[in-house]
């Protein structure tokens, strides 16, 4: 995958999150993808588990929008680091956060996501 391919796939992932679209999200992930929230020592293994994590979270009123991206792709390693701001809306919405994800990608799919999150774990269901 090229640097542009890596960036495009990362943005498809974030677009699916912002749209609260579990099928679009699953479409970016390899079957055996692992998502680890590194700052909270939590891992979700497999496309189905990651899809379910977010689908369940999206049933609540809290909404998140990811924006102000800085991407650092490396085609030679198949990885991309994405730093961004997350802005929340809804009841008891937290303040905006500056977070980062490191994605590993292969053959047009995300194989691993390492999440580095400021503050409380806002992905937890």
C-alpha atoms as a PDB file:
ATOM      1  CA  UNK A   1       0.000   0.000   0.000  1.00  0.00           C
ATOM      2  CA  UNK A   2       1.190   3.516  -0.787  1.00  0.00           C
ATOM      3  CA  UNK A   3       1.243   6.415   1.670  1.00  0.00           C
ATOM      4  CA  UNK A   4      -1.948   7.700   0.035  1.00  0.00           C
ATOM      5  CA  UNK A   5      -3.611   4.263   0.377  1.00  0.00           C
ATOM      6  CA  UNK A   6      -2.736   4.161   4.083  1.00  0.00           C
ATOM      7  CA  UNK A   7      -4.126   7.658   4.640  1.00  0.00           C
ATOM      8  CA  UNK A   8      -7.298   6.916   2.664  1.00  0.00           C
ATOM      9  CA  UNK A   9      -7.982   3.744   4.680  1.00  0.00           C
ATOM     10  CA  UNK A  10      -7.411   5.551   7.983  1.00  0.00           C
ATOM     11  CA  UNK A  11      -9.854   8.258   6.898  1.00  0.00           C
ATOM     12  CA  UNK A  12     -12.450   5.629   5.873  1.00  0.00           C
ATOM     13  CA  UNK A  13     -12.134   4.205   9.410  1.00  0.00           C
ATOM     14  CA  UNK A  14     -12.635   7.625  11.027  1.00  0.00           C
ATOM     15  CA  UNK A  15     -15.525   8.457   8.668  1.00  0.00           C
ATOM     16  CA  UNK A  16     -17.255   5.215   9.690  1.00  0.00           C
ATOM     17  CA  UNK A  17     -16.790   6.132  13.359  1.00  0.00           C
ATOM     18  CA  UNK A  18     -18.228   9.610  12.868  1.00  0.00           C
ATOM     19  CA  UNK A  19     -21.163   8.233  10.842  1.00  0.00           C
ATOM     20  CA  UNK A  20     -21.798   5.548  13.499  1.00  0.00           C
ATOM     21  CA  UNK A  21     -21.824   2.963  10.702  1.00  0.00           C
ATOM     22  CA  UNK A  22     -20.812  -0.481  12.023  1.00  0.00           C
ATOM     23  CA  UNK A  23     -20.859  -2.098   8.574  1.00  0.00           C
ATOM     24  CA  UNK A  24     -18.606   0.556   7.043  1.00  0.00           C
ATOM     25  CA  UNK A  25     -16.315   0.220  10.062  1.00  0.00           C
ATOM     26  CA  UNK A  26     -16.166  -3.564   9.682  1.00  0.00           C
ATOM     27  CA  UNK A  27     -15.357  -3.077   5.996  1.00  0.00           C
ATOM     28  CA  UNK A  28     -12.063  -1.395   6.919  1.00  0.00           C
ATOM     29  CA  UNK A  29     -10.930  -4.195   9.266  1.00  0.00           C
ATOM     30  CA  UNK A  30      -9.186  -7.490   8.627  1.00  0.00           C
ATOM     31  CA  UNK A  31     -10.987 -10.514  10.097  1.00  0.00           C
ATOM     32  CA  UNK A  32      -8.305 -10.886  12.793  1.00  0.00           C
ATOM     33  CA  UNK A  33      -7.805  -7.168  13.487  1.00  0.00           C
ATOM     34  CA  UNK A  34      -6.927  -6.239  17.073  1.00  0.00           C
ATOM     35  CA  UNK A  35      -7.813  -2.910  18.654  1.00  0.00           C
ATOM     36  CA  UNK A  36      -5.851  -2.060  21.796  1.00  0.00           C
ATOM     37  CA  UNK A  37      -6.537   1.013  23.882  1.00  0.00           C
ATOM     38  CA  UNK A  38      -2.915   1.260  24.970  1.00  0.00           C
ATOM     39  CA  UNK A  39      -3.517   3.959  27.581  1.00  0.00           C
ATOM     40  CA  UNK A  40      -6.092   1.782  29.373  1.00  0.00           C
ATOM     41  CA  UNK A  41      -4.702  -1.745  28.708  1.00  0.00           C
ATOM     42  CA  UNK A  42      -7.869  -2.943  26.932  1.00  0.00           C
ATOM     43  CA  UNK A  43      -7.858  -5.157  23.823  1.00  0.00           C
ATOM     44  CA  UNK A  44     -10.689  -6.185  21.523  1.00  0.00           C
ATOM     45  CA  UNK A  45      -9.736  -8.988  19.126  1.00  0.00           C
ATOM     46  CA  UNK A  46     -11.391  -9.663  15.790  1.00  0.00           C
ATOM     47  CA  UNK A  47     -13.530  -7.727  13.337  1.00  0.00           C
ATOM     48  CA  UNK A  48     -16.793  -8.917  14.896  1.00  0.00           C
ATOM     49  CA  UNK A  49     -15.744  -7.909  18.429  1.00  0.00           C
ATOM     50  CA  UNK A  50     -14.609  -4.446  17.305  1.00  0.00           C
ATOM     51  CA  UNK A  51     -17.790  -3.940  15.297  1.00  0.00           C
ATOM     52  CA  UNK A  52     -19.888  -4.940  18.324  1.00  0.00           C
ATOM     53  CA  UNK A  53     -17.889  -2.652  20.648  1.00  0.00           C
ATOM     54  CA  UNK A  54     -18.713   0.404  18.576  1.00  0.00           C
ATOM     55  CA  UNK A  55     -22.263  -0.649  17.604  1.00  0.00           C
ATOM     56  CA  UNK A  56     -23.090  -0.980  21.309  1.00  0.00           C
ATOM     57  CA  UNK A  57     -21.430   2.344  22.165  1.00  0.00           C
ATOM     58  CA  UNK A  58     -23.330   4.103  19.388  1.00  0.00           C
ATOM     59  CA  UNK A  59     -26.673   3.146  20.941  1.00  0.00           C
ATOM     60  CA  UNK A  60     -26.089   5.882  23.533  1.00  0.00           C
ATOM     61  CA  UNK A  61     -26.544   9.621  23.043  1.00  0.00           C
ATOM     62  CA  UNK A  62     -22.832  10.590  23.127  1.00  0.00           C
ATOM     63  CA  UNK A  63     -21.522  11.507  19.680  1.00  0.00           C
ATOM     64  CA  UNK A  64     -17.924  11.982  18.608  1.00  0.00           C
ATOM     65  CA  UNK A  65     -16.415  13.796  15.644  1.00  0.00           C
ATOM     66  CA  UNK A  66     -12.759  13.270  14.669  1.00  0.00           C
ATOM     67  CA  UNK A  67     -11.023  16.220  12.987  1.00  0.00           C
ATOM     68  CA  UNK A  68      -7.811  18.248  12.601  1.00  0.00           C
ATOM     69  CA  UNK A  69      -5.778  15.231  11.466  1.00  0.00           C
ATOM     70  CA  UNK A  70      -2.046  14.924  11.077  1.00  0.00           C
ATOM     71  CA  UNK A  71      -1.156  11.649   9.342  1.00  0.00           C
ATOM     72  CA  UNK A  72       2.331  10.160   9.231  1.00  0.00           C
ATOM     73  CA  UNK A  73       2.184   7.200   6.827  1.00  0.00           C
ATOM     74  CA  UNK A  74       4.994   4.740   6.117  1.00  0.00           C
ATOM     75  CA  UNK A  75       4.353   2.606   3.056  1.00  0.00           C
ATOM     76  CA  UNK A  76       7.537   0.609   3.716  1.00  0.00           C
ATOM     77  CA  UNK A  77       6.189  -0.629   7.079  1.00  0.00           C
ATOM     78  CA  UNK A  78       2.457  -0.649   6.258  1.00  0.00           C
ATOM     79  CA  UNK A  79       1.753   1.621   9.212  1.00  0.00           C
ATOM     80  CA  UNK A  80       0.305   5.071   9.733  1.00  0.00           C
ATOM     81  CA  UNK A  81       0.156   7.242  12.840  1.00  0.00           C
ATOM     82  CA  UNK A  82      -2.843   9.573  12.941  1.00  0.00           C
ATOM     83  CA  UNK A  83      -3.035  12.390  15.491  1.00  0.00           C
ATOM     84  CA  UNK A  84      -6.385  14.141  15.764  1.00  0.00           C
ATOM     85  CA  UNK A  85      -8.881  15.993  17.918  1.00  0.00           C
ATOM     86  CA  UNK A  86     -12.108  14.350  19.068  1.00  0.00           C
ATOM     87  CA  UNK A  87     -15.015  16.652  19.863  1.00  0.00           C
ATOM     88  CA  UNK A  88     -18.019  15.220  21.711  1.00  0.00           C
ATOM     89  CA  UNK A  89     -21.671  16.218  21.912  1.00  0.00           C
ATOM     90  CA  UNK A  90     -24.564  14.906  23.965  1.00  0.00           C
ATOM     91  CA  UNK A  91     -25.385  14.679  27.666  1.00  0.00           C
ATOM     92  CA  UNK A  92     -22.313  14.903  29.910  1.00  0.00           C
ATOM     93  CA  UNK A  93     -20.049  15.224  26.866  1.00  0.00           C
ATOM     94  CA  UNK A  94     -16.372  15.450  27.829  1.00  0.00           C
ATOM     95  CA  UNK A  95     -14.108  18.237  26.671  1.00  0.00           C
ATOM     96  CA  UNK A  96     -12.379  17.751  23.297  1.00  0.00           C
ATOM     97  CA  UNK A  97      -9.355  15.440  23.375  1.00  0.00           C
ATOM     98  CA  UNK A  98      -6.130  15.187  21.447  1.00  0.00           C
ATOM     99  CA  UNK A  99      -5.656  11.495  20.639  1.00  0.00           C
ATOM    100  CA  UNK A 100      -3.546   9.340  18.347  1.00  0.00           C
ATOM    101  CA  UNK A 101      -3.998   5.984  16.656  1.00  0.00           C
ATOM    102  CA  UNK A 102      -1.277   3.860  15.117  1.00  0.00           C
ATOM    103  CA  UNK A 103      -2.655   1.575  12.419  1.00  0.00           C
ATOM    104  CA  UNK A 104      -1.023  -1.455  10.823  1.00  0.00           C
ATOM    105  CA  UNK A 105      -2.454  -2.201   7.377  1.00  0.00           C
ATOM    106  CA  UNK A 106      -2.094  -4.880   4.767  1.00  0.00           C
ATOM    107  CA  UNK A 107      -3.895  -5.646   1.500  1.00  0.00           C
ATOM    108  CA  UNK A 108      -6.323  -2.755   1.924  1.00  0.00           C
ATOM    109  CA  UNK A 109      -7.429  -3.654   5.452  1.00  0.00           C
ATOM    110  CA  UNK A 110      -6.523  -2.584   8.975  1.00  0.00           C
ATOM    111  CA  UNK A 111      -4.831  -5.415  10.880  1.00  0.00           C
ATOM    112  CA  UNK A 112      -4.072  -3.620  14.149  1.00  0.00           C
ATOM    113  CA  UNK A 113      -5.117  -0.369  15.846  1.00  0.00           C
ATOM    114  CA  UNK A 114      -3.216   1.016  18.822  1.00  0.00           C
ATOM    115  CA  UNK A 115      -5.213   3.817  20.460  1.00  0.00           C
ATOM    116  CA  UNK A 116      -3.521   6.449  22.629  1.00  0.00           C
ATOM    117  CA  UNK A 117      -6.248   8.407  24.390  1.00  0.00           C
ATOM    118  CA  UNK A 118      -6.035  11.489  26.604  1.00  0.00           C
ATOM    119  CA  UNK A 119      -8.054  11.253  29.806  1.00  0.00           C
ATOM    120  CA  UNK A 120     -10.864   8.815  30.529  1.00  0.00           C
ATOM    121  CA  UNK A 121     -11.632   5.909  28.205  1.00  0.00           C
ATOM    122  CA  UNK A 122     -14.453   7.262  26.028  1.00  0.00           C
ATOM    123  CA  UNK A 123     -14.706   4.078  23.926  1.00  0.00           C
ATOM    124  CA  UNK A 124     -15.744   1.909  26.865  1.00  0.00           C
ATOM    125  CA  UNK A 125     -19.355   0.790  26.649  1.00  0.00           C
END
